[in-house]
């Protein structure tokens, strides 16, 4: 694990992960709103930092001791664009686990500006080995993701 301060990676909560990002000029189109494809970048950062704070460094998973390796790839993504973000907005990217087990994970993601929902996404992650074949998510790793889900369910 790197020695960088964790605050750069956002924070874990009982509901999942929270990452705050600013919108820069490079994120916008000619009209000054965030270009639709840039939301994918924000969500990828949220997912990556969620994994990082759960103790999972994706680069090292390919080099696992079991020699099979473990890789996460986006299999499917459903995105609802609710409202645009603009330059200098402060966005909060929320990531939570809906399912973790078998050869896939399902993550829910939101991008918000304050209390306003801008983007809602459902991301299906395929779990594959280093050769690109499906493999089961190790139970210990699935438990890390599901612990957040169970904490939220117990609170409701």
Protein backbone atom coordinates (compact mmCIF):
# COMPACT_ATOMS: atom_id res chain seq x y z
CA UNK A 1 0.00 0.00 0.00
CA UNK A 2 1.26 3.49 -0.75
CA UNK A 3 2.22 5.95 1.96
CA UNK A 4 -0.01 8.75 0.64
CA UNK A 5 -2.45 10.30 3.09
CA UNK A 6 -5.80 8.53 3.02
CA UNK A 7 -7.76 11.78 2.87
CA UNK A 8 -6.76 11.95 -0.81
CA UNK A 9 -8.76 8.76 -1.31
CA UNK A 10 -11.94 10.01 0.32
CA UNK A 11 -13.49 8.25 3.28
CA UNK A 12 -15.34 5.10 4.15
CA UNK A 13 -18.65 5.36 5.94
CA UNK A 14 -21.25 2.86 7.05
CA UNK A 15 -22.90 3.35 3.65
CA UNK A 16 -19.80 2.82 1.50
CA UNK A 17 -17.36 5.39 0.14
CA UNK A 18 -17.41 9.16 -0.28
CA UNK A 19 -14.98 11.11 -2.50
CA UNK A 20 -15.03 14.88 -3.07
CA UNK A 21 -13.77 16.28 -6.38
CA UNK A 22 -13.74 19.74 -7.97
CA UNK A 23 -14.82 20.27 -11.58
CA UNK A 24 -12.00 21.79 -13.64
CA UNK A 25 -12.06 23.50 -17.02
CA UNK A 26 -10.74 20.31 -18.65
CA UNK A 27 -13.90 18.48 -17.48
CA UNK A 28 -16.26 20.79 -19.34
CA UNK A 29 -17.42 21.19 -22.92
CA UNK A 30 -17.81 24.43 -24.89
CA UNK A 31 -20.97 25.33 -22.98
CA UNK A 32 -19.28 25.17 -19.58
CA UNK A 33 -21.04 22.04 -18.33
CA UNK A 34 -19.29 18.76 -17.55
CA UNK A 35 -18.90 16.67 -20.70
CA UNK A 36 -20.94 13.47 -20.28
CA UNK A 37 -17.95 11.11 -20.63
CA UNK A 38 -16.07 12.88 -17.82
CA UNK A 39 -18.56 11.50 -15.31
CA UNK A 40 -17.04 8.07 -16.07
CA UNK A 41 -13.68 9.43 -14.84
CA UNK A 42 -15.20 10.71 -11.60
CA UNK A 43 -16.94 7.37 -11.00
CA UNK A 44 -13.76 5.40 -11.77
CA UNK A 45 -11.88 7.46 -9.19
CA UNK A 46 -14.62 6.74 -6.68
CA UNK A 47 -14.50 2.98 -7.32
CA UNK A 48 -10.69 2.87 -7.25
CA UNK A 49 -10.44 4.80 -3.99
CA UNK A 50 -13.22 2.69 -2.48
CA UNK A 51 -11.15 -0.41 -3.19
CA UNK A 52 -8.00 1.29 -1.92
CA UNK A 53 -9.57 2.16 1.42
CA UNK A 54 -10.87 -1.38 1.75
CA UNK A 55 -7.24 -2.49 1.50
CA UNK A 56 -7.42 -3.68 -2.11
CA UNK A 57 -4.72 -2.45 -4.49
CA UNK A 58 -5.81 -3.48 -7.96
CA UNK A 59 -2.27 -3.59 -9.38
CA UNK A 60 -1.17 -6.21 -6.87
CA UNK A 61 -4.21 -8.46 -7.42
CA UNK A 62 -2.84 -9.63 -10.78
CA UNK A 63 0.30 -10.81 -8.99
CA UNK A 64 -1.48 -12.85 -6.32
CA UNK A 65 0.27 -15.86 -4.81
CA UNK A 66 -2.32 -18.22 -6.33
CA UNK A 67 -0.86 -17.35 -9.77
CA UNK A 68 -4.34 -17.10 -11.25
CA UNK A 69 -4.55 -13.38 -10.53
CA UNK A 70 -7.64 -11.29 -9.96
CA UNK A 71 -8.84 -8.43 -12.13
CA UNK A 72 -11.96 -6.24 -11.94
CA UNK A 73 -13.44 -5.02 -15.23
CA UNK A 74 -16.59 -3.03 -15.90
CA UNK A 75 -19.04 -5.37 -17.59
CA UNK A 76 -22.08 -3.13 -17.72
CA UNK A 77 -23.01 0.34 -16.60
CA UNK A 78 -26.41 2.01 -16.41
CA UNK A 79 -26.29 5.78 -15.97
CA UNK A 80 -29.10 8.26 -15.37
CA UNK A 81 -28.08 11.85 -16.06
CA UNK A 82 -30.30 13.97 -13.82
CA UNK A 83 -28.70 17.43 -13.92
CA UNK A 84 -25.46 18.97 -15.21
CA UNK A 85 -22.40 19.93 -13.21
CA UNK A 86 -20.44 23.08 -14.09
CA UNK A 87 -16.89 24.31 -13.77
CA UNK A 88 -15.78 24.88 -10.15
CA UNK A 89 -18.65 22.80 -8.71
CA UNK A 90 -17.67 20.60 -5.79
CA UNK A 91 -18.94 17.09 -6.45
CA UNK A 92 -19.35 14.18 -4.07
CA UNK A 93 -18.98 10.73 -5.59
CA UNK A 94 -20.71 8.06 -3.49
CA UNK A 95 -20.01 4.37 -4.04
CA UNK A 96 -21.71 1.46 -2.29
CA UNK A 97 -21.84 -2.29 -2.73
CA UNK A 98 -25.13 -3.85 -3.77
CA UNK A 99 -23.72 -7.37 -4.37
CA UNK A 100 -20.36 -9.10 -4.06
CA UNK A 101 -20.00 -12.78 -4.78
CA UNK A 102 -19.59 -15.33 -7.49
CA UNK A 103 -17.84 -13.80 -10.47
CA UNK A 104 -19.30 -10.31 -10.14
CA UNK A 105 -19.91 -7.29 -7.99
CA UNK A 106 -22.63 -4.71 -8.35
CA UNK A 107 -21.84 -1.20 -7.18
CA UNK A 108 -24.21 1.74 -6.94
CA UNK A 109 -22.74 5.16 -7.56
CA UNK A 110 -24.07 8.69 -7.28
CA UNK A 111 -22.57 12.03 -8.10
CA UNK A 112 -24.04 14.91 -6.11
CA UNK A 113 -23.56 18.66 -5.84
CA UNK A 114 -24.53 19.30 -2.26
CA UNK A 115 -27.87 17.55 -1.80
CA UNK A 116 -28.72 17.59 -5.51
CA UNK A 117 -28.41 14.25 -7.32
CA UNK A 118 -26.68 14.77 -10.68
CA UNK A 119 -25.82 11.21 -11.73
CA UNK A 120 -27.10 7.80 -10.61
CA UNK A 121 -25.30 4.70 -11.88
CA UNK A 122 -25.39 0.94 -11.42
CA UNK A 123 -22.07 -0.67 -12.28
CA UNK A 124 -21.67 -4.40 -12.82
CA UNK A 125 -18.07 -5.48 -12.31
CA UNK A 126 -16.88 -8.80 -13.74
CA UNK A 127 -14.23 -10.67 -11.78
CA UNK A 128 -11.71 -12.34 -14.08
CA UNK A 129 -8.28 -13.93 -13.81
CA UNK A 130 -5.09 -12.68 -15.45
CA UNK A 131 -5.93 -14.69 -18.59
CA UNK A 132 -9.32 -12.96 -18.93
CA UNK A 133 -11.46 -15.89 -17.77
CA UNK A 134 -14.20 -15.50 -15.15
CA UNK A 135 -13.23 -16.43 -11.62
CA UNK A 136 -14.94 -16.34 -8.27
CA UNK A 137 -14.40 -13.40 -6.00
CA UNK A 138 -12.51 -14.77 -2.97
CA UNK A 139 -14.85 -14.97 0.04
CA UNK A 140 -12.59 -12.87 2.26
CA UNK A 141 -12.60 -10.08 -0.32
CA UNK A 142 -16.37 -10.32 -0.86
CA UNK A 143 -16.79 -10.02 2.91
CA UNK A 144 -14.97 -6.66 2.90
CA UNK A 145 -17.45 -5.26 0.39
CA UNK A 146 -20.49 -6.84 2.01
CA UNK A 147 -19.57 -5.63 5.51
CA UNK A 148 -20.51 -2.10 4.41
CA UNK A 149 -23.82 -3.31 2.96
CA UNK A 150 -24.69 -5.26 6.10
CA UNK A 151 -23.92 -2.25 8.32
CA UNK A 152 -26.38 -0.15 6.30
CA UNK A 153 -29.04 -2.89 6.32
CA UNK A 154 -28.71 -3.34 10.08
CA UNK A 155 -29.19 0.39 10.63
CA UNK A 156 -32.52 0.43 8.73
